[in-house]
Amino acid sequence: MGSIAKSRCSASDLSASSNIIAVTVKPGCPVIQNLVLSHPACHGFTASWNADDCVGLGLANYQLLIKKNGATSFVGYNVGSNNNATVNWLLPGVTYNVAVMSVVCNGATSGYSATQNITTSVCREAEEAEEVKANETAANREAITIYPNPAQGQFWVNIGSTDNREQTVKIELINQLGQTVQTNISGMNNGHLNELVNIPNRIAAGIYFGEDLNRRNGISQ
């Protein structure tokens, strides 16, 4: 791919083109292969997959994507940078569809892997009280990911929730003094929101907190 630059002196007056500079665009992250689900338990399972360095761009984390069989959309969970994860917050005796994708340090993502299915086991009667507690936790579970971090000018906020009702989400950027310097209000449908937040030029470089309702994550720019 080639790139040129021009300067604009007025609405119709442009300078001559600069020299053509060759730019190599790196390929996108490949789709992760060989997702394997194993060891089903009352509230989850174990997942593993082929490691991915995203064509040398530098992996930030993997997102495990989970939905009930028949549901319309996945909920994404940041499971770190290891190519395996243990899930322990699901409902017992339910079939789930699972996929995985990689997130790079610049915010790019791979496509979803091939979807695999797994059914959690049914808890024993002796675990009944624990099952009720797990159901309550799963009903209110919310995962939030902010990337890239550090950020330059903008960052993505990815929120996944097991609550599929329409919700209004307020995302606040808060400095280290506890002052809110920016607020974004967005709608979340089907338990998922992927929002690009632009950082105004007036905001000085430093460490800030991106806050969604009761969840807070640190981000620096």
Foldseek 3Di string as FASTA:
>chain_A
DWDWDWDDPDPPDIDDIDDIDDDDDDDFFEEWDDWDWADAAQFWTKIFTDAGCGRVQGFFFKWKWKDFVPADGTFTATQGRHRMHTGGQHHAFTKMKIWMKTAGLQGGIYDTHDIDIDHHHHDDPVCVVVNVVSVVCLQFDKHWDWHNFQDDFKIKIKMFHPDQDKDKKKKFKADPVRDTPDIDIDIDHGRIDIDMGGDDPPDDWDKIWIDIVPDIDIGTD
